[in-house]
N, C-alpha and C. Protein backbone atom coordinates (compact mmCIF):
# COMPACT_ATOMS: atom_id res chain seq x y z
N MET A 1 102.33 79.44 107.33
CA MET A 1 103.32 79.81 108.31
C MET A 1 103.36 81.32 108.51
N GLY A 2 103.15 82.08 107.44
CA GLY A 2 103.17 83.53 107.54
C GLY A 2 102.11 84.08 108.47
N GLU A 3 101.02 83.35 108.61
CA GLU A 3 99.95 83.78 109.50
C GLU A 3 100.37 83.68 110.96
N GLN A 4 101.31 82.82 111.26
CA GLN A 4 101.74 82.61 112.63
C GLN A 4 102.84 83.57 113.05
N PHE A 5 103.52 84.15 112.10
CA PHE A 5 104.63 85.05 112.42
C PHE A 5 104.41 86.39 111.73
N LYS A 6 104.17 87.39 112.53
CA LYS A 6 103.96 88.73 112.00
C LYS A 6 104.80 89.71 112.80
N THR A 7 105.34 90.68 112.10
CA THR A 7 106.14 91.70 112.75
C THR A 7 105.59 93.06 112.37
N ASP A 8 105.31 93.84 113.37
CA ASP A 8 104.83 95.20 113.16
C ASP A 8 106.00 96.14 113.40
N VAL A 9 106.53 96.72 112.33
CA VAL A 9 107.69 97.59 112.43
C VAL A 9 107.39 98.80 113.32
N GLY A 10 106.17 99.29 113.27
CA GLY A 10 105.78 100.40 114.15
C GLY A 10 105.88 100.02 115.62
N GLU A 11 105.52 98.78 115.92
CA GLU A 11 105.62 98.30 117.30
C GLU A 11 107.09 98.22 117.73
N LEU A 12 107.96 97.85 116.80
CA LEU A 12 109.39 97.82 117.12
C LEU A 12 109.88 99.23 117.46
N SER A 13 109.41 100.21 116.71
CA SER A 13 109.78 101.60 117.00
C SER A 13 109.30 102.01 118.38
N GLN A 14 108.07 101.64 118.72
CA GLN A 14 107.52 101.97 120.03
C GLN A 14 108.30 101.27 121.14
N PHE A 15 108.71 100.02 120.88
CA PHE A 15 109.51 99.27 121.84
C PHE A 15 110.84 99.98 122.10
N LEU A 16 111.46 100.48 121.05
CA LEU A 16 112.71 101.23 121.21
C LEU A 16 112.49 102.48 122.05
N THR A 17 111.40 103.18 121.81
CA THR A 17 111.07 104.37 122.59
C THR A 17 110.87 104.00 124.05
N ASN A 18 110.17 102.91 124.30
CA ASN A 18 109.92 102.48 125.68
C ASN A 18 111.22 102.10 126.39
N LEU A 19 112.12 101.44 125.67
CA LEU A 19 113.42 101.10 126.27
C LEU A 19 114.17 102.35 126.68
N GLU A 20 114.16 103.34 125.81
CA GLU A 20 114.85 104.60 126.11
C GLU A 20 114.22 105.28 127.33
N LYS A 21 112.89 105.24 127.42
CA LYS A 21 112.21 105.83 128.58
C LYS A 21 112.61 105.12 129.87
N CYS A 22 112.78 103.80 129.80
CA CYS A 22 113.19 103.04 130.99
C CYS A 22 114.54 103.52 131.49
N VAL A 23 115.48 103.70 130.58
CA VAL A 23 116.81 104.19 130.96
C VAL A 23 116.70 105.58 131.57
N ASP A 24 115.92 106.45 130.94
CA ASP A 24 115.75 107.81 131.45
C ASP A 24 115.16 107.80 132.85
N GLU A 25 114.14 106.97 133.07
CA GLU A 25 113.49 106.92 134.38
C GLU A 25 114.41 106.36 135.45
N LEU A 26 115.22 105.37 135.10
CA LEU A 26 116.20 104.86 136.05
C LEU A 26 117.18 105.96 136.45
N ASN A 27 117.66 106.67 135.46
CA ASN A 27 118.62 107.75 135.74
C ASN A 27 117.98 108.87 136.55
N GLU A 28 116.74 109.20 136.25
CA GLU A 28 116.05 110.24 137.01
C GLU A 28 115.86 109.84 138.47
N ALA A 29 115.49 108.59 138.70
CA ALA A 29 115.29 108.12 140.07
C ALA A 29 116.60 108.16 140.85
N ARG A 30 117.67 107.72 140.22
CA ARG A 30 118.97 107.75 140.88
C ARG A 30 119.42 109.19 141.13
N SER A 31 119.21 110.04 140.16
CA SER A 31 119.62 111.45 140.30
C SER A 31 118.84 112.15 141.40
N ALA A 32 117.58 111.79 141.55
CA ALA A 32 116.75 112.42 142.58
C ALA A 32 117.30 112.15 143.98
N LEU A 33 117.92 111.00 144.16
CA LEU A 33 118.48 110.65 145.46
C LEU A 33 119.94 111.07 145.62
N GLU A 34 120.56 111.44 144.54
CA GLU A 34 121.98 111.73 144.56
C GLU A 34 122.34 112.90 145.47
N HIS A 35 121.46 113.89 145.55
CA HIS A 35 121.77 115.08 146.35
C HIS A 35 121.60 114.84 147.84
N VAL A 36 120.93 113.75 148.22
CA VAL A 36 120.74 113.44 149.63
C VAL A 36 121.99 112.74 150.14
N ARG A 37 122.62 113.32 151.13
CA ARG A 37 123.83 112.74 151.69
C ARG A 37 123.49 111.92 152.91
N ALA A 38 124.31 110.95 153.17
CA ALA A 38 124.06 110.03 154.27
C ALA A 38 123.95 110.74 155.62
N ASP A 39 124.74 111.79 155.81
CA ASP A 39 124.72 112.47 157.11
C ASP A 39 123.45 113.29 157.33
N GLN A 40 122.59 113.35 156.33
CA GLN A 40 121.33 114.10 156.45
C GLN A 40 120.15 113.19 156.80
N ILE A 41 120.36 111.90 156.79
CA ILE A 41 119.24 110.98 156.90
C ILE A 41 118.91 110.60 158.34
N GLY A 42 119.89 110.22 159.12
CA GLY A 42 119.57 109.78 160.48
C GLY A 42 120.74 109.09 161.13
N THR A 43 120.47 107.89 161.65
CA THR A 43 121.50 107.15 162.38
C THR A 43 122.63 106.74 161.45
N SER A 44 123.79 106.48 162.06
CA SER A 44 124.95 106.11 161.24
C SER A 44 124.69 104.80 160.50
N ARG A 45 123.98 103.88 161.11
CA ARG A 45 123.66 102.60 160.45
C ARG A 45 122.77 102.85 159.23
N LEU A 46 121.78 103.70 159.38
CA LEU A 46 120.90 104.04 158.26
C LEU A 46 121.68 104.80 157.19
N ASP A 47 122.55 105.70 157.62
CA ASP A 47 123.37 106.46 156.69
C ASP A 47 124.24 105.52 155.84
N GLU A 48 124.87 104.55 156.49
CA GLU A 48 125.72 103.58 155.78
C GLU A 48 124.89 102.76 154.79
N ALA A 49 123.71 102.34 155.23
CA ALA A 49 122.85 101.55 154.35
C ALA A 49 122.42 102.37 153.13
N CYS A 50 122.14 103.64 153.35
CA CYS A 50 121.73 104.51 152.23
C CYS A 50 122.88 104.73 151.26
N ASP A 51 124.08 104.94 151.80
CA ASP A 51 125.25 105.10 150.93
C ASP A 51 125.50 103.84 150.10
N LYS A 52 125.41 102.70 150.77
CA LYS A 52 125.62 101.42 150.08
C LYS A 52 124.56 101.23 148.99
N PHE A 53 123.32 101.54 149.33
CA PHE A 53 122.24 101.42 148.34
C PHE A 53 122.50 102.33 147.15
N GLN A 54 122.93 103.55 147.41
CA GLN A 54 123.19 104.51 146.33
C GLN A 54 124.28 103.99 145.40
N GLU A 55 125.33 103.43 145.97
CA GLU A 55 126.41 102.88 145.16
C GLU A 55 125.92 101.71 144.31
N GLU A 56 125.17 100.81 144.94
CA GLU A 56 124.66 99.64 144.22
C GLU A 56 123.63 100.06 143.16
N TRP A 57 122.80 101.03 143.49
CA TRP A 57 121.80 101.52 142.54
C TRP A 57 122.50 102.10 141.31
N LYS A 58 123.55 102.87 141.56
CA LYS A 58 124.30 103.47 140.45
C LYS A 58 124.91 102.38 139.58
N TYR A 59 125.56 101.43 140.20
CA TYR A 59 126.18 100.33 139.44
C TYR A 59 125.11 99.55 138.69
N GLY A 60 124.04 99.20 139.37
CA GLY A 60 122.96 98.44 138.74
C GLY A 60 122.31 99.17 137.59
N SER A 61 122.09 100.47 137.76
CA SER A 61 121.46 101.23 136.69
C SER A 61 122.40 101.38 135.49
N GLU A 62 123.70 101.48 135.75
CA GLU A 62 124.67 101.54 134.65
C GLU A 62 124.69 100.21 133.88
N GLN A 63 124.65 99.10 134.62
CA GLN A 63 124.64 97.78 133.97
C GLN A 63 123.34 97.57 133.19
N THR A 64 122.24 98.01 133.78
CA THR A 64 120.95 97.90 133.10
C THR A 64 120.96 98.72 131.82
N LYS A 65 121.53 99.92 131.88
CA LYS A 65 121.61 100.77 130.69
C LYS A 65 122.43 100.07 129.60
N LYS A 66 123.54 99.45 129.97
CA LYS A 66 124.35 98.73 128.98
C LYS A 66 123.54 97.61 128.32
N MET A 67 122.80 96.87 129.13
CA MET A 67 121.99 95.77 128.58
C MET A 67 120.88 96.31 127.68
N ILE A 68 120.23 97.38 128.13
CA ILE A 68 119.16 97.97 127.33
C ILE A 68 119.72 98.52 126.02
N ASP A 69 120.89 99.14 126.08
CA ASP A 69 121.52 99.64 124.86
C ASP A 69 121.81 98.50 123.88
N ALA A 70 122.27 97.37 124.40
CA ALA A 70 122.53 96.22 123.53
C ALA A 70 121.24 95.70 122.92
N ILE A 71 120.18 95.64 123.72
CA ILE A 71 118.87 95.20 123.20
C ILE A 71 118.39 96.18 122.14
N LYS A 72 118.54 97.47 122.41
CA LYS A 72 118.12 98.49 121.45
C LYS A 72 118.83 98.31 120.11
N GLU A 73 120.13 98.06 120.15
CA GLU A 73 120.88 97.88 118.91
C GLU A 73 120.39 96.66 118.15
N GLY A 74 120.10 95.58 118.87
CA GLY A 74 119.56 94.38 118.22
C GLY A 74 118.20 94.63 117.60
N VAL A 75 117.33 95.32 118.33
CA VAL A 75 116.00 95.63 117.81
C VAL A 75 116.10 96.56 116.61
N LYS A 76 117.00 97.55 116.68
CA LYS A 76 117.18 98.45 115.53
C LYS A 76 117.62 97.67 114.30
N ALA A 77 118.57 96.75 114.49
CA ALA A 77 119.05 95.95 113.36
C ALA A 77 117.93 95.08 112.80
N ASN A 78 117.14 94.47 113.68
CA ASN A 78 116.01 93.66 113.21
C ASN A 78 114.98 94.51 112.49
N LYS A 79 114.68 95.67 113.05
CA LYS A 79 113.72 96.57 112.43
C LYS A 79 114.18 96.95 111.03
N LYS A 80 115.45 97.29 110.90
CA LYS A 80 116.00 97.65 109.60
C LYS A 80 115.89 96.47 108.63
N GLY A 81 116.18 95.28 109.11
CA GLY A 81 116.06 94.09 108.27
C GLY A 81 114.64 93.87 107.79
N TYR A 82 113.68 94.01 108.69
CA TYR A 82 112.27 93.85 108.31
C TYR A 82 111.86 94.92 107.28
N GLU A 83 112.32 96.14 107.51
CA GLU A 83 111.98 97.21 106.57
C GLU A 83 112.57 96.94 105.19
N GLU A 84 113.80 96.43 105.16
CA GLU A 84 114.43 96.11 103.88
C GLU A 84 113.69 94.99 103.15
N VAL A 85 113.28 93.97 103.91
CA VAL A 85 112.52 92.87 103.31
C VAL A 85 111.18 93.37 102.79
N GLU A 86 110.50 94.21 103.59
CA GLU A 86 109.22 94.77 103.14
C GLU A 86 109.39 95.60 101.88
N ASP A 87 110.42 96.41 101.82
CA ASP A 87 110.67 97.24 100.63
C ASP A 87 110.97 96.37 99.41
N ALA A 88 111.81 95.36 99.58
CA ALA A 88 112.15 94.48 98.47
C ALA A 88 110.92 93.71 97.99
N LEU A 89 110.12 93.24 98.93
CA LEU A 89 108.90 92.51 98.57
C LEU A 89 107.93 93.42 97.84
N GLU A 90 107.78 94.63 98.33
CA GLU A 90 106.89 95.60 97.67
C GLU A 90 107.34 95.87 96.24
N LYS A 91 108.64 96.06 96.05
CA LYS A 91 109.17 96.31 94.71
C LYS A 91 108.97 95.11 93.80
N ALA A 92 109.22 93.92 94.33
CA ALA A 92 109.05 92.70 93.53
C ALA A 92 107.58 92.52 93.13
N LEU A 93 106.68 92.72 94.06
CA LEU A 93 105.25 92.57 93.75
C LEU A 93 104.79 93.63 92.76
N LYS A 94 105.31 94.82 92.90
CA LYS A 94 104.98 95.89 91.95
C LYS A 94 105.50 95.54 90.56
N GLN A 95 106.70 95.02 90.49
CA GLN A 95 107.28 94.62 89.21
C GLN A 95 106.45 93.51 88.56
N ILE A 96 106.02 92.55 89.34
CA ILE A 96 105.18 91.46 88.82
C ILE A 96 103.86 92.03 88.32
N ALA A 97 103.27 92.93 89.11
CA ALA A 97 101.99 93.53 88.71
C ALA A 97 102.16 94.34 87.42
N ASP A 98 103.24 95.07 87.32
CA ASP A 98 103.49 95.88 86.11
C ASP A 98 103.66 95.00 84.90
N GLN A 99 104.38 93.89 85.06
CA GLN A 99 104.60 92.97 83.95
C GLN A 99 103.30 92.31 83.50
N SER A 100 102.45 91.97 84.46
CA SER A 100 101.20 91.28 84.10
C SER A 100 100.21 92.25 83.44
N THR A 101 100.26 93.52 83.82
CA THR A 101 99.32 94.48 83.21
C THR A 101 99.84 95.02 81.90
N SER A 102 101.14 94.88 81.66
CA SER A 102 101.69 95.39 80.39
C SER A 102 101.63 94.33 79.30
N GLY A 103 101.13 93.17 79.62
CA GLY A 103 100.98 92.11 78.62
C GLY A 103 102.25 91.31 78.40
N GLY A 104 103.29 91.63 79.11
CA GLY A 104 104.54 90.86 78.95
C GLY A 104 104.41 89.53 79.64
N ASN A 105 104.85 88.47 78.98
CA ASN A 105 104.73 87.15 79.59
C ASN A 105 106.07 86.70 80.15
N GLY A 106 107.12 87.48 79.95
CA GLY A 106 108.41 87.17 80.52
C GLY A 106 109.07 85.99 79.87
N GLY A 107 108.44 85.33 78.89
CA GLY A 107 109.01 84.17 78.27
C GLY A 107 109.71 84.46 76.96
N GLY A 108 109.65 85.68 76.47
CA GLY A 108 110.33 86.06 75.24
C GLY A 108 109.65 85.59 73.98
N LYS A 109 108.38 85.23 74.02
CA LYS A 109 107.65 84.73 72.84
C LYS A 109 107.06 85.84 72.05
């Protein structure tokens, strides 16, 4: 079963970095359009559509950021859990190896 399920903690770290970049890029795209006012674009119909889009984009990007933040927290918690399991397993295996090389049989004989 272990062969079918593998977790690369480094990949989890990279995933967290990528999530953060997504949020940054969304914010940058929205900010780039923020300085453009509707009255600078053209017809009143186009101006209204641009204003509406800007409002929806802002709301959508804020909601997306909240969801990404929640995912990030879950991934961080999972990453920490995997690291703790790996550390505990490493210590246990080291302890077993030390006991077997020191001649101790653990049975008290």
